[in-house]
Amino acid sequence: MGQPQRSDQMLEEENDRLTESLSGKVKALKSLSIDIGHEVRTQNKLLQEMLSIDIGHEVRTQNKLLQEMDDDFDTSGSLLSATMGRLSALTKKGHHKVMCYMILFCFFVFLVAWYFVRRR
């Protein structure tokens, strides 16, 4: 009867040793998982900060460019309105010779622009 009892005791000791080993490995794995979770949260926070800074800078740059373009269009619109006013005054006065020169000049500018575009 002594031998089966000793065998059971040895198995129990082996089982306890394996349980302790497994417990240590589970604790290490839990610690590693927690560390990975902290690292992921830290990197996500850093990435969000970087994106918000870059996006904010990009939006400010685009707004500045749009404002400059709006100012340029306003200036061009004023210039075109003044030019159209002068052309209307010219046509009302009956200077047909000047109008002919104006049309020829516009045609010439168109040809020069067309030449340079085709040349590229």
N, C-alpha and C. Protein backbone atom coordinates (compact mmCIF):
# COMPACT_ATOMS: atom_id res chain seq x y z
N MET A 1 0.80 -1.19 0.00
CA MET A 1 0.00 0.00 0.00
C MET A 1 0.84 1.26 0.00
N GLY A 2 2.05 1.19 0.36
CA GLY A 2 2.92 2.34 0.44
C GLY A 2 3.30 2.86 -0.92
N GLN A 3 3.46 1.95 -1.87
CA GLN A 3 3.91 2.37 -3.19
C GLN A 3 2.85 3.17 -3.95
N PRO A 4 1.58 2.82 -4.00
CA PRO A 4 0.60 3.64 -4.70
C PRO A 4 0.44 5.01 -4.05
N GLN A 5 0.61 5.05 -2.73
CA GLN A 5 0.49 6.32 -2.05
C GLN A 5 1.64 7.24 -2.43
N ARG A 6 2.85 6.68 -2.55
CA ARG A 6 4.02 7.44 -2.95
C ARG A 6 3.87 7.92 -4.38
N SER A 7 3.33 7.09 -5.25
CA SER A 7 3.11 7.45 -6.65
C SER A 7 2.10 8.60 -6.74
N ASP A 8 1.05 8.53 -5.95
CA ASP A 8 0.06 9.61 -5.95
C ASP A 8 0.68 10.91 -5.44
N GLN A 9 1.53 10.77 -4.43
CA GLN A 9 2.18 11.95 -3.87
C GLN A 9 3.13 12.57 -4.89
N MET A 10 3.86 11.75 -5.64
CA MET A 10 4.78 12.25 -6.67
C MET A 10 4.00 12.94 -7.79
N LEU A 11 2.88 12.34 -8.17
CA LEU A 11 2.05 12.95 -9.21
C LEU A 11 1.48 14.29 -8.72
N GLU A 12 1.09 14.34 -7.46
CA GLU A 12 0.56 15.57 -6.89
C GLU A 12 1.63 16.65 -6.86
N GLU A 13 2.86 16.30 -6.49
CA GLU A 13 3.97 17.26 -6.46
C GLU A 13 4.29 17.75 -7.87
N GLU A 14 4.30 16.83 -8.83
CA GLU A 14 4.56 17.19 -10.24
C GLU A 14 3.46 18.12 -10.75
N ASN A 15 2.22 17.83 -10.38
CA ASN A 15 1.09 18.65 -10.78
C ASN A 15 1.20 20.05 -10.17
N ASP A 16 1.59 20.14 -8.90
CA ASP A 16 1.77 21.44 -8.24
C ASP A 16 2.88 22.24 -8.91
N ARG A 17 3.98 21.58 -9.24
CA ARG A 17 5.11 22.25 -9.90
C ARG A 17 4.69 22.78 -11.27
N LEU A 18 3.99 21.99 -12.04
CA LEU A 18 3.52 22.42 -13.36
C LEU A 18 2.50 23.56 -13.25
N THR A 19 1.66 23.49 -12.21
CA THR A 19 0.67 24.54 -11.99
C THR A 19 1.36 25.86 -11.67
N GLU A 20 2.39 25.81 -10.82
CA GLU A 20 3.15 27.02 -10.48
C GLU A 20 3.85 27.59 -11.71
N SER A 21 4.42 26.70 -12.53
CA SER A 21 5.09 27.14 -13.76
C SER A 21 4.09 27.80 -14.70
N LEU A 22 2.93 27.18 -14.85
CA LEU A 22 1.90 27.74 -15.72
C LEU A 22 1.40 29.07 -15.17
N SER A 23 1.25 29.17 -13.87
CA SER A 23 0.81 30.42 -13.24
C SER A 23 1.81 31.54 -13.53
N GLY A 24 3.11 31.24 -13.44
CA GLY A 24 4.14 32.25 -13.75
C GLY A 24 4.07 32.70 -15.20
N LYS A 25 3.85 31.75 -16.08
CA LYS A 25 3.76 32.09 -17.51
C LYS A 25 2.51 32.93 -17.80
N VAL A 26 1.40 32.62 -17.14
CA VAL A 26 0.17 33.38 -17.32
C VAL A 26 0.36 34.81 -16.82
N LYS A 27 1.04 34.96 -15.66
CA LYS A 27 1.31 36.30 -15.12
C LYS A 27 2.19 37.10 -16.08
N ALA A 28 3.21 36.44 -16.65
CA ALA A 28 4.09 37.13 -17.61
C ALA A 28 3.31 37.54 -18.85
N LEU A 29 2.45 36.66 -19.33
CA LEU A 29 1.65 36.96 -20.52
C LEU A 29 0.67 38.09 -20.24
N LYS A 30 0.07 38.11 -19.05
CA LYS A 30 -0.85 39.18 -18.67
C LYS A 30 -0.11 40.51 -18.61
N SER A 31 1.07 40.51 -18.02
CA SER A 31 1.87 41.73 -17.93
C SER A 31 2.25 42.23 -19.32
N LEU A 32 2.64 41.32 -20.19
CA LEU A 32 3.00 41.68 -21.56
C LEU A 32 1.79 42.26 -22.30
N SER A 33 0.62 41.66 -22.13
CA SER A 33 -0.59 42.16 -22.78
C SER A 33 -0.95 43.55 -22.30
N ILE A 34 -0.81 43.79 -21.00
CA ILE A 34 -1.09 45.12 -20.45
C ILE A 34 -0.12 46.15 -21.02
N ASP A 35 1.17 45.78 -21.09
CA ASP A 35 2.18 46.69 -21.65
C ASP A 35 1.89 47.01 -23.12
N ILE A 36 1.48 46.00 -23.87
CA ILE A 36 1.15 46.23 -25.29
C ILE A 36 -0.05 47.16 -25.40
N GLY A 37 -1.05 46.97 -24.53
CA GLY A 37 -2.23 47.84 -24.54
C GLY A 37 -1.85 49.29 -24.26
N HIS A 38 -0.98 49.50 -23.25
CA HIS A 38 -0.52 50.86 -22.94
C HIS A 38 0.22 51.47 -24.13
N GLU A 39 1.08 50.69 -24.76
CA GLU A 39 1.85 51.18 -25.91
C GLU A 39 0.94 51.55 -27.07
N VAL A 40 -0.06 50.73 -27.34
CA VAL A 40 -1.00 51.01 -28.44
C VAL A 40 -1.77 52.30 -28.15
N ARG A 41 -2.25 52.46 -26.91
CA ARG A 41 -2.98 53.68 -26.57
C ARG A 41 -2.09 54.91 -26.70
N THR A 42 -0.84 54.80 -26.26
CA THR A 42 0.10 55.93 -26.36
C THR A 42 0.35 56.29 -27.82
N GLN A 43 0.58 55.28 -28.65
CA GLN A 43 0.85 55.55 -30.07
C GLN A 43 -0.39 56.11 -30.77
N ASN A 44 -1.57 55.63 -30.43
CA ASN A 44 -2.80 56.18 -31.02
C ASN A 44 -2.97 57.65 -30.66
N LYS A 45 -2.71 57.98 -29.39
CA LYS A 45 -2.83 59.37 -28.95
C LYS A 45 -1.83 60.25 -29.70
N LEU A 46 -0.59 59.78 -29.83
CA LEU A 46 0.44 60.53 -30.54
C LEU A 46 0.07 60.71 -32.01
N LEU A 47 -0.44 59.66 -32.63
CA LEU A 47 -0.84 59.74 -34.04
C LEU A 47 -1.99 60.72 -34.24
N GLN A 48 -2.96 60.71 -33.34
CA GLN A 48 -4.08 61.65 -33.45
C GLN A 48 -3.60 63.09 -33.31
N GLU A 49 -2.65 63.32 -32.39
CA GLU A 49 -2.11 64.67 -32.23
C GLU A 49 -1.38 65.10 -33.49
N MET A 50 -0.58 64.19 -34.07
CA MET A 50 0.16 64.52 -35.29
C MET A 50 -0.80 64.83 -36.43
N LEU A 51 -1.85 64.02 -36.56
CA LEU A 51 -2.80 64.24 -37.65
C LEU A 51 -3.55 65.55 -37.47
N SER A 52 -3.94 65.86 -36.25
CA SER A 52 -4.68 67.10 -36.04
C SER A 52 -3.80 68.31 -36.30
N ILE A 53 -2.50 68.23 -35.99
CA ILE A 53 -1.58 69.33 -36.26
C ILE A 53 -1.41 69.49 -37.77
N ASP A 54 -1.14 68.38 -38.48
CA ASP A 54 -0.92 68.44 -39.92
C ASP A 54 -2.18 68.90 -40.66
N ILE A 55 -3.33 68.39 -40.26
CA ILE A 55 -4.57 68.77 -40.93
C ILE A 55 -4.87 70.24 -40.67
N GLY A 56 -4.67 70.69 -39.45
CA GLY A 56 -4.91 72.09 -39.13
C GLY A 56 -4.02 73.01 -39.94
N HIS A 57 -2.75 72.65 -40.08
CA HIS A 57 -1.82 73.46 -40.87
C HIS A 57 -2.24 73.47 -42.33
N GLU A 58 -2.64 72.31 -42.84
CA GLU A 58 -3.06 72.20 -44.24
C GLU A 58 -4.31 73.05 -44.49
N VAL A 59 -5.25 73.02 -43.57
CA VAL A 59 -6.48 73.81 -43.73
C VAL A 59 -6.16 75.30 -43.73
N ARG A 60 -5.27 75.74 -42.82
CA ARG A 60 -4.90 77.16 -42.79
C ARG A 60 -4.22 77.57 -44.09
N THR A 61 -3.34 76.72 -44.62
CA THR A 61 -2.65 77.02 -45.88
C THR A 61 -3.65 77.13 -47.02
N GLN A 62 -4.59 76.17 -47.10
CA GLN A 62 -5.59 76.19 -48.17
C GLN A 62 -6.49 77.42 -48.06
N ASN A 63 -6.87 77.78 -46.84
CA ASN A 63 -7.71 78.97 -46.65
C ASN A 63 -6.99 80.23 -47.10
N LYS A 64 -5.70 80.30 -46.80
CA LYS A 64 -4.90 81.47 -47.22
C LYS A 64 -4.85 81.55 -48.75
N LEU A 65 -4.60 80.41 -49.40
CA LEU A 65 -4.54 80.39 -50.86
C LEU A 65 -5.90 80.76 -51.48
N LEU A 66 -6.97 80.26 -50.89
CA LEU A 66 -8.30 80.60 -51.40
C LEU A 66 -8.61 82.08 -51.24
N GLN A 67 -8.19 82.66 -50.13
CA GLN A 67 -8.41 84.10 -49.91
C GLN A 67 -7.63 84.91 -50.94
N GLU A 68 -6.37 84.51 -51.21
CA GLU A 68 -5.57 85.21 -52.22
C GLU A 68 -6.22 85.10 -53.60
N MET A 69 -6.73 83.90 -53.91
CA MET A 69 -7.39 83.70 -55.21
C MET A 69 -8.64 84.56 -55.31
N ASP A 70 -9.40 84.65 -54.22
CA ASP A 70 -10.60 85.48 -54.20
C ASP A 70 -10.24 86.95 -54.44
N ASP A 71 -9.18 87.41 -53.79
CA ASP A 71 -8.73 88.79 -54.00
C ASP A 71 -8.32 89.03 -55.45
N ASP A 72 -7.61 88.05 -56.03
CA ASP A 72 -7.19 88.18 -57.43
C ASP A 72 -8.40 88.23 -58.37
N PHE A 73 -9.42 87.40 -58.10
CA PHE A 73 -10.61 87.42 -58.93
C PHE A 73 -11.36 88.74 -58.80
N ASP A 74 -11.40 89.28 -57.60
CA ASP A 74 -12.05 90.59 -57.41
C ASP A 74 -11.33 91.67 -58.21
N THR A 75 -10.00 91.65 -58.16
CA THR A 75 -9.21 92.63 -58.91
C THR A 75 -9.43 92.47 -60.41
N SER A 76 -9.41 91.21 -60.87
CA SER A 76 -9.62 90.95 -62.30
C SER A 76 -11.02 91.37 -62.73
N GLY A 77 -12.01 91.10 -61.88
CA GLY A 77 -13.38 91.49 -62.20
C GLY A 77 -13.52 93.00 -62.33
N SER A 78 -12.88 93.73 -61.43
CA SER A 78 -12.93 95.19 -61.50
C SER A 78 -12.26 95.70 -62.78
N LEU A 79 -11.12 95.10 -63.10
CA LEU A 79 -10.39 95.50 -64.31
C LEU A 79 -11.22 95.21 -65.56
N LEU A 80 -11.85 94.04 -65.61
CA LEU A 80 -12.68 93.70 -66.77
C LEU A 80 -13.91 94.60 -66.87
N SER A 81 -14.49 94.95 -65.74
CA SER A 81 -15.65 95.85 -65.76
C SER A 81 -15.26 97.22 -66.31
N ALA A 82 -14.11 97.72 -65.87
CA ALA A 82 -13.65 99.02 -66.37
C ALA A 82 -13.36 98.95 -67.86
N THR A 83 -12.74 97.87 -68.31
CA THR A 83 -12.43 97.71 -69.73
C THR A 83 -13.71 97.62 -70.55
N MET A 84 -14.69 96.87 -70.07
CA MET A 84 -15.95 96.76 -70.80
C MET A 84 -16.65 98.12 -70.86
N GLY A 85 -16.55 98.89 -69.81
CA GLY A 85 -17.13 100.24 -69.82
C GLY A 85 -16.49 101.11 -70.88
N ARG A 86 -15.17 101.03 -70.99
CA ARG A 86 -14.47 101.82 -72.01
C ARG A 86 -14.84 101.35 -73.41
N LEU A 87 -14.95 100.01 -73.60
CA LEU A 87 -15.33 99.49 -74.91
C LEU A 87 -16.75 99.91 -75.28
N SER A 88 -17.62 99.90 -74.31
CA SER A 88 -19.00 100.35 -74.57
C SER A 88 -19.02 101.82 -74.97
N ALA A 89 -18.21 102.62 -74.29
CA ALA A 89 -18.14 104.04 -74.63
C ALA A 89 -17.59 104.23 -76.04
N LEU A 90 -16.60 103.41 -76.41
CA LEU A 90 -16.01 103.50 -77.74
C LEU A 90 -17.03 103.16 -78.82
N THR A 91 -17.80 102.10 -78.58
CA THR A 91 -18.78 101.69 -79.60
C THR A 91 -19.91 102.71 -79.73
N LYS A 92 -20.26 103.36 -78.66
CA LYS A 92 -21.33 104.36 -78.71
C LYS A 92 -20.90 105.62 -79.45
N LYS A 93 -19.61 105.92 -79.40
CA LYS A 93 -19.13 107.13 -80.06
C LYS A 93 -19.00 106.95 -81.56
N GLY A 94 -18.99 105.72 -82.03
CA GLY A 94 -18.95 105.51 -83.46
C GLY A 94 -17.54 105.47 -84.04
N HIS A 95 -16.56 105.16 -83.26
CA HIS A 95 -15.19 105.03 -83.77
C HIS A 95 -15.01 103.63 -84.35
N HIS A 96 -15.50 103.46 -85.55
CA HIS A 96 -15.45 102.14 -86.18
C HIS A 96 -14.03 101.73 -86.52
N LYS A 97 -13.20 102.69 -86.85
CA LYS A 97 -11.81 102.39 -87.18
C LYS A 97 -11.08 101.84 -85.94
N VAL A 98 -11.32 102.45 -84.80
CA VAL A 98 -10.69 101.99 -83.56
C VAL A 98 -11.19 100.59 -83.20
N MET A 99 -12.47 100.33 -83.42
CA MET A 99 -13.02 99.00 -83.13
C MET A 99 -12.39 97.95 -84.03
N CYS A 100 -12.16 98.29 -85.27
CA CYS A 100 -11.52 97.35 -86.20
C CYS A 100 -10.11 97.02 -85.71
N TYR A 101 -9.37 98.07 -85.30
CA TYR A 101 -8.02 97.83 -84.76
C TYR A 101 -8.07 96.98 -83.49
N MET A 102 -9.05 97.21 -82.68
CA MET A 102 -9.19 96.46 -81.43
C MET A 102 -9.45 94.99 -81.72
N ILE A 103 -10.32 94.71 -82.68
CA ILE A 103 -10.61 93.32 -83.05
C ILE A 103 -9.38 92.66 -83.63
N LEU A 104 -8.65 93.37 -84.50
CA LEU A 104 -7.42 92.82 -85.07
C LEU A 104 -6.38 92.56 -83.98
N PHE A 105 -6.28 93.45 -83.01
CA PHE A 105 -5.33 93.27 -81.92
C PHE A 105 -5.68 92.02 -81.10
N CYS A 106 -6.97 91.85 -80.80
CA CYS A 106 -7.41 90.66 -80.05
C CYS A 106 -7.11 89.39 -80.83
N PHE A 107 -7.35 89.41 -82.13
CA PHE A 107 -7.06 88.26 -82.98
C PHE A 107 -5.56 87.96 -82.97
N PHE A 108 -4.74 89.00 -83.03
CA PHE A 108 -3.29 88.84 -83.00
C PHE A 108 -2.84 88.22 -81.66
N VAL A 109 -3.38 88.70 -80.57
CA VAL A 109 -3.04 88.15 -79.25
C VAL A 109 -3.46 86.68 -79.17
N PHE A 110 -4.63 86.36 -79.72
CA PHE A 110 -5.08 84.98 -79.75
C PHE A 110 -4.11 84.11 -80.54
N LEU A 111 -3.66 84.58 -81.71
CA LEU A 111 -2.72 83.81 -82.52
C LEU A 111 -1.39 83.59 -81.80
N VAL A 112 -0.88 84.62 -81.15
CA VAL A 112 0.39 84.49 -80.42
C VAL A 112 0.23 83.49 -79.28
N ALA A 113 -0.86 83.57 -78.55
CA ALA A 113 -1.10 82.63 -77.45
C ALA A 113 -1.21 81.21 -77.99
N TRP A 114 -1.94 81.06 -79.09
CA TRP A 114 -2.09 79.74 -79.71
C TRP A 114 -0.74 79.18 -80.14
N TYR A 115 0.11 80.02 -80.71
CA TYR A 115 1.44 79.60 -81.16
C TYR A 115 2.27 79.08 -79.97
N PHE A 116 2.27 79.81 -78.87
CA PHE A 116 3.07 79.40 -77.71
C PHE A 116 2.52 78.14 -77.06
N VAL A 117 1.22 77.97 -77.08
CA VAL A 117 0.63 76.76 -76.51
C VAL A 117 0.98 75.56 -77.37
N ARG A 118 0.92 75.71 -78.67
CA ARG A 118 1.25 74.61 -79.60
C ARG A 118 2.73 74.27 -79.54
N ARG A 119 3.56 75.25 -79.26
CA ARG A 119 5.01 75.06 -79.24
C ARG A 119 5.45 74.17 -78.08
N ARG A 120 4.73 74.17 -77.00
CA ARG A 120 5.09 73.35 -75.84
C ARG A 120 4.84 71.94 -76.17
